[in-house]
N, C-alpha and C. Protein backbone atom coordinates (compact mmCIF):
# COMPACT_ATOMS: atom_id res chain seq x y z
N MET A 1 55.13 -6.53 8.90
CA MET A 1 54.09 -7.32 8.07
C MET A 1 52.98 -7.43 8.72
N ASN A 2 51.65 -6.73 7.72
CA ASN A 2 50.59 -6.71 7.98
C ASN A 2 49.78 -8.20 8.44
N ASP A 3 49.09 -8.59 9.42
CA ASP A 3 48.41 -9.78 9.75
C ASP A 3 47.12 -9.42 9.20
N ILE A 4 46.64 -10.19 8.02
CA ILE A 4 45.41 -10.02 7.51
C ILE A 4 44.51 -11.08 8.18
N SER A 5 44.83 -11.96 9.25
CA SER A 5 44.05 -12.66 9.81
C SER A 5 43.10 -11.81 10.81
N ASN A 6 43.31 -10.53 11.01
CA ASN A 6 42.54 -10.00 12.28
C ASN A 6 41.29 -9.99 11.61
N SER A 7 40.96 -10.15 10.29
CA SER A 7 39.38 -9.67 9.94
C SER A 7 38.69 -11.57 10.05
N THR A 8 39.58 -12.43 10.37
CA THR A 8 38.71 -13.93 10.85
C THR A 8 38.46 -14.07 12.28
N GLY A 9 39.00 -12.97 12.87
CA GLY A 9 39.18 -13.35 14.42
C GLY A 9 40.21 -13.94 15.02
N GLN A 10 41.15 -14.02 14.27
CA GLN A 10 42.43 -14.65 14.72
C GLN A 10 43.56 -13.74 14.89
N GLY A 11 44.68 -13.81 15.45
CA GLY A 11 45.84 -13.11 15.73
C GLY A 11 45.71 -12.12 16.92
N SER A 12 46.09 -10.97 16.74
CA SER A 12 45.85 -9.86 17.70
C SER A 12 44.44 -9.44 17.06
N PRO A 13 43.78 -8.80 18.23
CA PRO A 13 42.48 -8.03 17.96
C PRO A 13 42.60 -6.66 17.24
N GLY A 14 41.81 -6.65 16.24
CA GLY A 14 41.53 -5.52 15.43
C GLY A 14 40.95 -4.29 16.11
N PRO A 15 40.97 -3.23 15.64
CA PRO A 15 40.16 -2.13 16.03
C PRO A 15 38.60 -2.41 16.01
N GLY A 16 38.11 -3.25 15.53
CA GLY A 16 36.68 -3.37 15.78
C GLY A 16 36.41 -4.05 14.65
N PRO A 17 34.89 -4.14 14.33
CA PRO A 17 34.15 -4.99 13.50
C PRO A 17 34.53 -4.09 12.02
N ALA A 18 34.55 -4.80 10.97
CA ALA A 18 34.71 -4.05 9.86
C ALA A 18 33.77 -3.23 9.25
N PRO A 19 33.56 -2.07 8.76
CA PRO A 19 32.51 -1.34 8.41
C PRO A 19 31.79 -1.92 7.64
N ASP A 20 30.40 -1.51 7.60
CA ASP A 20 29.35 -2.06 6.97
C ASP A 20 29.09 -0.96 5.62
N ARG A 21 29.67 -1.08 4.57
CA ARG A 21 30.03 0.08 3.82
C ARG A 21 28.47 -0.09 3.12
N GLN A 22 27.85 -0.55 2.71
CA GLN A 22 26.42 -0.81 2.40
C GLN A 22 25.28 0.08 3.18
N PHE A 23 25.60 -0.32 4.47
CA PHE A 23 24.66 0.26 5.30
C PHE A 23 25.16 1.84 5.49
N ASP A 24 26.15 2.23 5.56
CA ASP A 24 26.76 3.59 5.37
C ASP A 24 26.26 4.31 4.63
N LEU A 25 26.66 3.47 3.09
CA LEU A 25 25.97 4.20 1.89
C LEU A 25 24.35 4.57 1.95
N MET A 26 23.93 3.69 2.41
CA MET A 26 22.31 3.75 2.57
C MET A 26 22.06 4.90 3.36
N LYS A 27 22.51 4.90 4.61
CA LYS A 27 22.12 6.05 5.77
C LYS A 27 22.70 7.27 4.91
N ARG A 28 23.37 7.43 4.26
CA ARG A 28 23.94 8.79 3.77
C ARG A 28 23.30 9.11 2.56
N PHE A 29 22.85 8.39 1.51
CA PHE A 29 22.30 8.75 0.28
C PHE A 29 20.80 8.33 0.03
N VAL A 30 20.30 7.52 1.03
CA VAL A 30 18.88 7.25 0.62
C VAL A 30 18.03 8.07 1.56
N PRO A 31 16.94 8.55 1.20
CA PRO A 31 15.85 9.46 2.07
C PRO A 31 14.98 8.66 2.81
N TYR A 32 15.41 8.37 4.17
CA TYR A 32 14.70 7.17 5.05
C TYR A 32 14.15 8.36 6.23
N GLN A 33 14.55 9.24 6.52
CA GLN A 33 14.24 10.19 7.61
C GLN A 33 13.04 10.92 7.61
N PHE A 34 12.34 11.54 8.46
CA PHE A 34 11.20 12.16 8.75
C PHE A 34 10.66 13.01 7.54
N GLY A 35 9.67 12.34 6.96
CA GLY A 35 9.10 13.53 5.91
C GLY A 35 9.32 12.84 4.73
N SER A 36 10.32 11.70 4.65
CA SER A 36 10.96 11.31 3.16
C SER A 36 9.39 10.67 2.78
N LEU A 37 9.13 10.49 1.35
CA LEU A 37 8.21 9.90 0.53
C LEU A 37 8.30 8.65 -0.03
N TRP A 38 8.01 7.55 0.03
CA TRP A 38 8.07 6.30 -0.49
C TRP A 38 7.04 5.66 -1.43
N TRP A 39 6.98 4.79 -2.18
CA TRP A 39 5.99 3.76 -2.49
C TRP A 39 6.32 2.45 -1.94
N GLY A 40 5.28 1.65 -1.47
CA GLY A 40 5.15 0.31 -0.85
C GLY A 40 3.98 -0.78 -1.93
N ARG A 41 4.57 -1.57 -1.92
CA ARG A 41 3.53 -2.81 -2.56
C ARG A 41 2.59 -2.95 -1.54
N ASP A 42 1.38 -3.27 -1.67
CA ASP A 42 0.18 -3.36 -0.86
C ASP A 42 0.54 -4.47 -0.08
N ASP A 43 1.31 -5.86 -0.73
CA ASP A 43 1.27 -6.90 0.08
C ASP A 43 2.45 -6.55 1.44
N LEU A 44 3.38 -5.90 1.29
CA LEU A 44 4.46 -5.33 2.12
C LEU A 44 3.37 -4.45 3.33
N ILE A 45 2.78 -3.52 2.70
CA ILE A 45 2.05 -2.82 3.85
C ILE A 45 1.24 -3.65 4.69
N HIS A 46 0.48 -4.39 3.97
CA HIS A 46 -0.58 -5.34 4.80
C HIS A 46 0.22 -6.18 5.65
N ALA A 47 1.54 -6.57 5.38
CA ALA A 47 2.30 -7.39 6.23
C ALA A 47 2.70 -6.71 7.63
N ALA A 48 3.15 -5.29 7.12
CA ALA A 48 3.48 -4.34 8.03
C ALA A 48 2.32 -3.90 9.14
N GLN A 49 1.15 -3.82 8.19
CA GLN A 49 0.09 -3.23 8.80
C GLN A 49 -1.19 -3.75 8.70
N PRO A 50 -1.58 -4.97 9.40
CA PRO A 50 -2.62 -5.91 9.01
C PRO A 50 -3.76 -5.18 9.16
N GLU A 51 -3.90 -4.11 9.60
CA GLU A 51 -5.62 -3.41 9.26
C GLU A 51 -5.56 -2.70 8.01
N PHE A 52 -4.26 -2.78 7.28
CA PHE A 52 -4.40 -2.09 5.93
C PHE A 52 -5.13 -3.36 5.26
N THR A 53 -5.83 -2.87 4.32
CA THR A 53 -6.83 -3.83 3.32
C THR A 53 -6.33 -3.56 2.17
N GLU A 54 -5.73 -4.92 1.58
CA GLU A 54 -5.01 -5.46 0.53
C GLU A 54 -6.20 -5.83 -0.48
N ARG A 55 -6.11 -5.22 -1.65
CA ARG A 55 -7.15 -5.61 -2.59
C ARG A 55 -6.51 -5.70 -3.93
N GLU A 56 -7.42 -6.80 -4.82
CA GLU A 56 -6.42 -7.30 -5.91
C GLU A 56 -6.45 -6.23 -6.69
N ASP A 57 -7.18 -5.24 -7.09
CA ASP A 57 -7.13 -4.41 -7.98
C ASP A 57 -6.29 -3.01 -7.80
N ARG A 58 -5.41 -3.14 -6.51
CA ARG A 58 -4.59 -1.99 -6.27
C ARG A 58 -3.03 -2.66 -5.88
N ILE A 59 -1.89 -2.15 -6.70
CA ILE A 59 -0.63 -2.41 -6.52
C ILE A 59 0.30 -1.81 -5.27
N GLY A 60 0.18 -0.47 -5.20
CA GLY A 60 1.04 0.06 -4.47
C GLY A 60 0.33 1.30 -3.80
N HIS A 61 0.84 1.48 -2.85
CA HIS A 61 0.43 3.33 -1.78
C HIS A 61 1.62 3.93 -1.50
N PRO A 62 1.30 5.18 -1.18
CA PRO A 62 2.66 6.07 -0.91
C PRO A 62 2.85 5.96 0.42
N LEU A 63 3.89 6.06 0.94
CA LEU A 63 4.27 5.95 2.44
C LEU A 63 5.21 7.21 2.78
N VAL A 64 4.97 7.71 3.89
CA VAL A 64 5.69 8.69 4.54
C VAL A 64 6.39 8.46 5.95
N SER A 65 7.68 8.67 5.85
CA SER A 65 8.73 8.17 6.95
C SER A 65 8.43 9.16 8.42
N VAL A 66 7.92 8.55 9.45
CA VAL A 66 8.03 9.45 10.56
C VAL A 66 9.18 9.17 11.36
N LYS A 67 10.54 8.73 11.19
CA LYS A 67 11.72 8.31 11.85
C LYS A 67 12.45 9.52 12.12
N ARG A 68 12.29 10.01 13.11
CA ARG A 68 13.25 11.26 13.71
C ARG A 68 14.85 10.96 13.86
N ASP A 69 15.13 9.86 14.36
CA ASP A 69 16.57 9.61 14.29
C ASP A 69 17.34 8.75 13.46
N GLU A 70 18.70 8.61 13.38
CA GLU A 70 19.27 8.16 12.39
C GLU A 70 19.42 6.71 12.62
N MET A 71 19.46 5.63 11.69
CA MET A 71 19.46 4.61 11.67
C MET A 71 20.58 3.74 12.34
N GLN A 72 20.90 3.02 13.39
CA GLN A 72 21.90 2.64 13.86
C GLN A 72 22.64 1.21 13.65
N ASP A 73 21.82 0.59 12.96
CA ASP A 73 22.09 -0.85 12.27
C ASP A 73 21.14 -1.19 11.22
N ARG A 74 21.51 -2.41 10.94
CA ARG A 74 20.52 -3.15 9.79
C ARG A 74 19.24 -3.60 10.50
N MET A 75 19.49 -3.57 11.65
CA MET A 75 18.34 -3.97 12.53
C MET A 75 17.16 -3.15 12.88
N ASP A 76 17.84 -1.77 12.69
CA ASP A 76 16.56 -1.01 12.76
C ASP A 76 15.46 -0.66 12.11
N ILE A 77 14.42 -0.28 12.36
CA ILE A 77 13.01 -0.03 11.53
C ILE A 77 13.16 1.31 11.15
N VAL A 78 12.33 1.35 10.16
CA VAL A 78 11.76 2.69 9.80
C VAL A 78 10.43 2.88 9.98
N PRO A 79 9.48 3.60 10.74
CA PRO A 79 8.44 3.72 11.07
C PRO A 79 7.40 4.52 9.77
N MET A 80 6.49 4.13 9.14
CA MET A 80 5.92 4.93 7.89
C MET A 80 4.53 4.93 8.21
N LEU A 81 4.02 6.18 7.76
CA LEU A 81 2.49 6.11 7.54
C LEU A 81 1.90 6.16 6.24
N VAL A 82 0.98 5.13 5.99
CA VAL A 82 0.60 4.93 4.43
C VAL A 82 -0.73 5.72 3.86
N GLY A 83 -0.28 6.42 2.63
CA GLY A 83 -1.26 7.24 2.03
C GLY A 83 -2.39 6.50 1.51
N THR A 84 -3.20 7.36 1.02
CA THR A 84 -4.80 6.96 0.64
C THR A 84 -5.07 8.25 -0.46
N SER A 85 -5.66 7.95 -1.55
CA SER A 85 -6.42 9.06 -2.25
C SER A 85 -7.37 9.57 -1.83
N GLY A 86 -7.84 8.90 -0.52
CA GLY A 86 -9.18 9.25 0.29
C GLY A 86 -10.55 9.22 -0.39
N THR A 87 -10.42 8.26 -1.58
CA THR A 87 -12.02 8.31 -2.15
C THR A 87 -13.07 7.84 -1.24
N HIS A 88 -12.51 6.65 -0.62
CA HIS A 88 -13.38 5.91 0.26
C HIS A 88 -13.63 6.55 1.86
N LEU A 89 -12.69 7.60 2.20
CA LEU A 89 -12.68 7.86 3.52
C LEU A 89 -13.84 9.19 3.89
N ARG A 90 -14.29 8.64 5.22
CA ARG A 90 -15.53 9.94 5.52
C ARG A 90 -14.45 11.28 5.56
N ASN A 91 -15.39 12.35 5.26
CA ASN A 91 -14.52 13.78 5.55
C ASN A 91 -14.19 13.83 7.10
N ARG A 92 -14.59 13.35 7.82
CA ARG A 92 -14.26 13.68 9.42
C ARG A 92 -12.78 13.13 9.69
N ILE A 93 -12.57 11.94 8.73
CA ILE A 93 -11.19 10.88 8.96
C ILE A 93 -10.10 11.91 8.14
N LYS A 94 -10.63 12.38 6.95
CA LYS A 94 -9.78 13.47 6.06
C LYS A 94 -9.38 14.31 6.72
N THR A 95 -10.19 15.06 7.53
CA THR A 95 -9.53 16.62 8.20
C THR A 95 -8.60 16.04 9.22
N ARG A 96 -8.65 14.86 9.86
CA ARG A 96 -7.40 14.68 10.73
C ARG A 96 -6.27 14.06 9.91
N CYS A 97 -6.12 13.71 8.99
CA CYS A 97 -4.96 12.98 8.06
C CYS A 97 -4.45 14.78 7.63
N ILE A 98 -2.93 14.31 7.34
CA ILE A 98 -2.12 14.87 7.05
C ILE A 98 -2.12 14.92 5.28
N GLN A 99 -2.66 16.06 4.75
CA GLN A 99 -2.62 16.27 3.30
C GLN A 99 -1.19 16.44 2.35
N VAL A 100 -0.88 15.65 1.64
CA VAL A 100 0.44 15.69 0.91
C VAL A 100 -0.08 15.91 -0.56
N LEU A 101 0.34 16.98 -1.17
CA LEU A 101 0.03 17.37 -2.78
C LEU A 101 1.19 17.03 -3.52
N GLY A 102 0.75 16.37 -5.00
CA GLY A 102 1.48 15.95 -5.91
C GLY A 102 2.54 15.19 -5.90
N LEU A 103 2.17 13.87 -5.53
CA LEU A 103 3.13 12.96 -4.95
C LEU A 103 3.75 11.91 -6.51
N THR A 104 2.84 12.61 -7.89
CA THR A 104 3.70 12.28 -9.02
C THR A 104 3.60 13.33 -9.84
N ALA A 105 4.57 13.14 -10.90
CA ALA A 105 4.77 14.33 -12.00
C ALA A 105 3.61 14.53 -12.66
N ASP A 106 2.91 13.11 -13.08
CA ASP A 106 1.53 13.14 -14.00
C ASP A 106 0.58 13.75 -13.53
N ASP A 107 0.54 13.97 -12.09
CA ASP A 107 -0.87 14.58 -11.22
C ASP A 107 -0.49 15.29 -10.31
N PRO A 108 0.20 16.53 -10.36
CA PRO A 108 0.80 17.37 -9.56
C PRO A 108 -0.22 18.14 -8.33
N ASP A 109 -1.59 17.93 -8.84
CA ASP A 109 -2.45 18.99 -8.02
C ASP A 109 -3.29 17.67 -7.31
N HIS A 110 -3.01 16.30 -7.13
CA HIS A 110 -3.79 15.22 -6.54
C HIS A 110 -3.28 15.43 -5.17
N VAL A 111 -4.06 15.32 -4.46
CA VAL A 111 -3.99 15.18 -2.91
C VAL A 111 -4.12 13.85 -2.12
N CYS A 112 -2.98 13.34 -1.49
CA CYS A 112 -3.10 12.17 -0.83
C CYS A 112 -3.23 12.38 0.50
N PHE A 113 -3.83 11.42 1.39
CA PHE A 113 -4.24 11.64 2.70
C PHE A 113 -3.30 10.53 3.63
N PHE A 114 -2.54 11.21 4.54
CA PHE A 114 -1.75 10.07 5.27
C PHE A 114 -2.55 10.21 6.60
N GLY A 115 -2.39 9.02 7.23
CA GLY A 115 -2.96 9.08 8.81
C GLY A 115 -4.13 8.21 8.97
N SER A 116 -4.97 8.08 7.86
CA SER A 116 -6.04 7.15 8.12
C SER A 116 -6.12 5.95 9.16
N ILE A 117 -4.84 5.24 9.07
CA ILE A 117 -4.68 4.39 9.69
C ILE A 117 -3.54 5.29 10.93
N VAL A 118 -3.85 5.53 12.17
CA VAL A 118 -2.86 6.13 12.87
C VAL A 118 -1.53 5.63 13.07
N GLU A 119 -1.35 4.50 13.55
CA GLU A 119 -0.18 3.76 13.81
C GLU A 119 0.58 3.37 12.60
N PRO A 120 1.60 3.91 12.61
CA PRO A 120 2.64 3.81 11.50
C PRO A 120 3.13 2.25 11.36
N GLY A 121 3.38 1.73 10.25
CA GLY A 121 3.89 0.50 9.80
C GLY A 121 5.33 0.65 10.22
N LEU A 122 5.99 -0.83 10.59
CA LEU A 122 7.37 -0.88 10.61
C LEU A 122 8.06 -1.59 9.63
N TYR A 123 9.05 -0.60 8.69
CA TYR A 123 9.73 -1.13 7.57
C TYR A 123 11.16 -1.52 7.99
N GLU A 124 11.69 -2.64 7.36
CA GLU A 124 13.04 -2.81 8.09
C GLU A 124 13.92 -2.47 6.91
N PHE A 125 15.03 -2.41 7.30
CA PHE A 125 16.28 -2.17 6.46
C PHE A 125 16.50 -2.77 5.24
N ASP A 126 16.07 -4.10 5.21
CA ASP A 126 16.05 -5.03 4.01
C ASP A 126 15.12 -4.57 3.01
N ASP A 127 14.07 -3.79 3.49
CA ASP A 127 12.71 -3.29 2.29
C ASP A 127 13.38 -2.13 1.90
N LEU A 128 13.92 -0.83 2.50
CA LEU A 128 14.38 -0.25 2.08
C LEU A 128 15.34 -0.21 1.02
N LEU A 129 16.47 -1.05 1.11
CA LEU A 129 17.70 -1.63 0.54
C LEU A 129 17.00 -2.02 -0.86
N ASP A 130 16.02 -2.82 -0.46
CA ASP A 130 15.44 -3.41 -1.87
C ASP A 130 14.95 -2.50 -3.19
N GLY A 131 14.63 -1.35 -2.28
CA GLY A 131 13.78 -0.40 -2.89
C GLY A 131 15.12 0.51 -3.70
N VAL A 132 16.22 0.28 -3.36
CA VAL A 132 17.35 0.98 -4.19
C VAL A 132 18.41 0.19 -4.70
N SER A 133 18.32 -1.04 -4.59
CA SER A 133 19.40 -2.01 -5.23
C SER A 133 19.36 -1.95 -6.34
N ARG A 134 20.38 -2.00 -7.03
CA ARG A 134 20.38 -2.25 -8.77
C ARG A 134 20.15 -3.80 -8.96
N LYS A 135 18.98 -3.63 -9.70
CA LYS A 135 18.40 -5.28 -10.25
C LYS A 135 18.64 -5.72 -11.90
N GLU A 136 18.83 -6.95 -11.63
CA GLU A 136 18.77 -7.44 -13.12
C GLU A 136 17.55 -7.31 -13.92
N HIS A 137 17.78 -7.35 -14.95
CA HIS A 137 16.35 -7.28 -15.80
C HIS A 137 15.37 -6.14 -15.64
N ALA A 138 15.95 -4.89 -15.08
CA ALA A 138 15.20 -3.97 -15.03
C ALA A 138 14.42 -3.18 -16.10
N PHE A 139 14.71 -3.69 -17.10
CA PHE A 139 14.36 -3.44 -18.75
C PHE A 139 13.79 -4.72 -19.34
N ARG A 140 12.81 -4.62 -20.21
CA ARG A 140 12.69 -5.76 -20.99
C ARG A 140 12.23 -5.23 -22.49
N ARG A 141 12.24 -6.28 -23.27
CA ARG A 141 12.27 -5.84 -24.95
C ARG A 141 10.72 -5.70 -24.82
N PRO A 142 10.47 -4.36 -25.92
CA PRO A 142 9.25 -4.20 -26.26
C PRO A 142 8.25 -5.17 -26.92
N GLU A 143 7.03 -5.12 -26.48
CA GLU A 143 6.25 -6.18 -27.22
C GLU A 143 6.07 -5.97 -28.75
N LYS A 144 6.14 -4.64 -29.47
CA LYS A 144 6.01 -4.43 -30.68
C LYS A 144 7.17 -4.20 -31.09
N HIS A 145 7.71 -4.71 -32.42
CA HIS A 145 8.96 -4.61 -32.99
C HIS A 145 9.04 -4.99 -34.28
N GLY A 146 9.67 -4.68 -35.47
CA GLY A 146 9.88 -4.95 -36.98
C GLY A 146 10.39 -6.16 -36.89
N ARG A 147 10.27 -6.69 -37.74
CA ARG A 147 10.52 -8.13 -38.31
C ARG A 147 12.27 -8.45 -38.17
N ARG A 148 13.08 -7.45 -38.90
CA ARG A 148 14.35 -7.63 -39.10
C ARG A 148 14.91 -6.80 -38.27
N THR A 149 14.73 -5.92 -37.26
CA THR A 149 15.23 -4.99 -36.52
C THR A 149 15.65 -5.79 -35.08
N SER A 150 16.89 -5.07 -34.86
CA SER A 150 17.42 -5.78 -33.74
C SER A 150 16.67 -5.12 -32.37
N VAL A 151 16.32 -5.99 -31.48
CA VAL A 151 15.38 -5.71 -30.51
C VAL A 151 16.41 -5.42 -29.28
N VAL A 152 16.25 -4.34 -28.56
CA VAL A 152 16.81 -3.94 -27.28
C VAL A 152 15.96 -3.68 -25.93
N ALA A 153 16.62 -4.40 -25.05
CA ALA A 153 15.86 -4.54 -23.63
C ALA A 153 15.44 -2.94 -23.43
N SER A 154 14.43 -2.32 -23.62
CA SER A 154 14.71 -0.83 -23.54
C SER A 154 13.28 -0.21 -22.79
N GLU A 155 12.30 -1.24 -22.35
CA GLU A 155 11.13 -1.01 -22.02
C GLU A 155 11.28 -1.41 -20.62
N ARG A 156 11.07 -0.01 -19.51
CA ARG A 156 11.45 -0.22 -18.15
C ARG A 156 10.15 -1.33 -17.48
N VAL A 157 10.53 -1.97 -16.65
CA VAL A 157 10.07 -3.23 -15.82
C VAL A 157 9.08 -2.25 -14.73
N PRO A 158 8.06 -2.17 -14.43
CA PRO A 158 7.44 -1.35 -13.35
C PRO A 158 7.88 -1.91 -12.16
N TRP A 159 8.19 -0.71 -11.13
CA TRP A 159 9.03 -0.91 -9.56
C TRP A 159 8.33 -2.30 -9.12
N HIS A 160 7.12 -2.27 -9.01
CA HIS A 160 6.31 -3.23 -8.14
C HIS A 160 6.50 -4.77 -8.63
N GLU A 161 7.27 -4.84 -9.84
CA GLU A 161 7.49 -6.13 -10.33
C GLU A 161 8.81 -6.59 -9.90
N LEU A 162 9.82 -5.76 -9.36
CA LEU A 162 10.96 -6.00 -9.07
C LEU A 162 11.30 -5.66 -7.43
N ARG A 163 10.75 -4.82 -6.94
CA ARG A 163 10.76 -4.35 -5.51
C ARG A 163 9.36 -4.55 -4.69
N VAL A 164 9.80 -4.40 -3.32
CA VAL A 164 8.48 -4.47 -2.34
C VAL A 164 8.30 -2.69 -2.32
N MET A 165 9.38 -1.91 -2.43
CA MET A 165 9.30 -0.35 -2.29
C MET A 165 10.20 0.11 -2.67
N GLN A 166 9.97 1.55 -3.22
CA GLN A 166 11.03 2.32 -3.56
C GLN A 166 10.87 3.60 -3.16
N PRO A 167 11.80 4.55 -3.25
CA PRO A 167 11.57 5.96 -2.82
C PRO A 167 10.83 6.31 -4.13
N ASN A 168 10.18 7.76 -3.59
CA ASN A 168 9.33 8.49 -4.69
C ASN A 168 10.18 9.15 -5.10
N HIS A 169 10.28 8.98 -6.52
CA HIS A 169 11.46 10.09 -7.31
C HIS A 169 10.82 11.19 -7.74
N ASP A 170 9.39 11.46 -7.90
CA ASP A 170 9.03 12.36 -8.27
C ASP A 170 9.02 13.63 -7.37
N LYS A 171 8.70 13.07 -5.94
CA LYS A 171 8.49 13.83 -4.77
C LYS A 171 8.92 13.37 -3.53
N PRO A 172 10.57 13.58 -3.48
CA PRO A 172 11.27 12.90 -2.38
C PRO A 172 11.07 13.28 -1.03
N ARG A 173 10.23 14.38 -0.65
CA ARG A 173 10.32 14.72 0.58
C ARG A 173 9.00 15.63 0.58
N VAL A 174 8.39 15.61 1.68
CA VAL A 174 7.01 16.41 2.13
C VAL A 174 7.30 17.95 2.08
N SER A 175 6.88 18.81 1.66
CA SER A 175 6.85 20.35 1.52
C SER A 175 7.22 20.57 3.20
N GLU A 176 7.57 22.08 3.42
CA GLU A 176 7.98 22.78 4.63
C GLU A 176 6.45 22.56 5.03
N ASN A 177 5.37 22.98 5.19
CA ASN A 177 4.17 22.91 5.44
C ASN A 177 3.49 21.63 5.88
N GLU A 178 3.72 21.15 4.72
CA GLU A 178 3.46 19.45 5.07
C GLU A 178 3.97 18.76 6.29
N ARG A 179 5.45 19.07 6.37
CA ARG A 179 6.52 18.56 7.38
C ARG A 179 5.73 19.06 8.79
N ILE A 180 5.20 20.42 8.86
CA ILE A 180 4.80 20.91 9.74
C ILE A 180 3.54 20.19 10.34
N ALA A 181 2.56 20.03 9.37
CA ALA A 181 1.44 19.05 9.61
C ALA A 181 1.63 17.67 9.97
N LEU A 182 2.89 17.52 9.63
CA LEU A 182 3.19 15.86 9.76
C LEU A 182 3.90 15.93 11.35
N ASP A 183 4.69 16.68 11.84
CA ASP A 183 4.97 16.85 12.95
C ASP A 183 4.03 17.28 14.22
N ASP A 184 3.01 17.86 13.82
CA ASP A 184 1.93 18.20 14.48
C ASP A 184 1.39 16.89 14.86
N PHE A 185 0.62 16.18 13.60
CA PHE A 185 0.03 14.87 13.72
C PHE A 185 0.84 13.54 15.04
N CYS A 186 2.21 13.60 14.31
CA CYS A 186 2.95 12.83 15.25
C CYS A 186 2.80 12.73 16.95
N LYS A 187 3.19 14.40 17.14
CA LYS A 187 3.13 14.80 18.57
C LYS A 187 1.62 14.35 19.04
N GLU A 188 0.63 14.95 18.49
CA GLU A 188 -0.65 14.73 18.81
C GLU A 188 -1.07 12.95 19.20
N HIS A 189 -0.34 12.23 18.47
CA HIS A 189 -0.65 10.65 18.50
C HIS A 189 0.54 10.02 19.33
N GLY A 190 1.55 10.82 19.49
CA GLY A 190 2.47 10.29 20.54
C GLY A 190 3.68 9.52 19.84
N PHE A 191 4.13 10.04 18.75
CA PHE A 191 4.96 9.49 18.20
C PHE A 191 5.74 10.23 17.44
């Protein structure tokens, strides 16, 4: 007869702690390692990097992971560099940054600059998990509809209203040339 009390710590010792399936799935299927691209809300980025300037007219910024090893547990962190369009960057700073092209399908020729803030921000497992977890109310009713028509919740809620961050679905990872530049940047700065 099986002793189900092993999971409660009573009875004979089991083979070890129960596996964390959510963590294992996250490690396996969610891009978090070196070169993966994400979007982060500005309030989260500012909390991780106080030198990042949070402004009311901006919602979020791109992030690129510089984590080289695998996550070991839920307490592990993922270091990420914040990206910017470079509108207010001096040319000498732009030349030291990693340039990543085409973060969105809407603007495939747009260049984003990573590394204007050299030190990466540290993002927790729960922040990344928030970006991929299924959310209730991810769709809402469209504002305009006919008087006697049934209204279905079909308008997608913007990611930043539901999540603190999310993977970049348009470009999940940097290109090979961008990865090489990112690697050189990290080695130059000691991380």
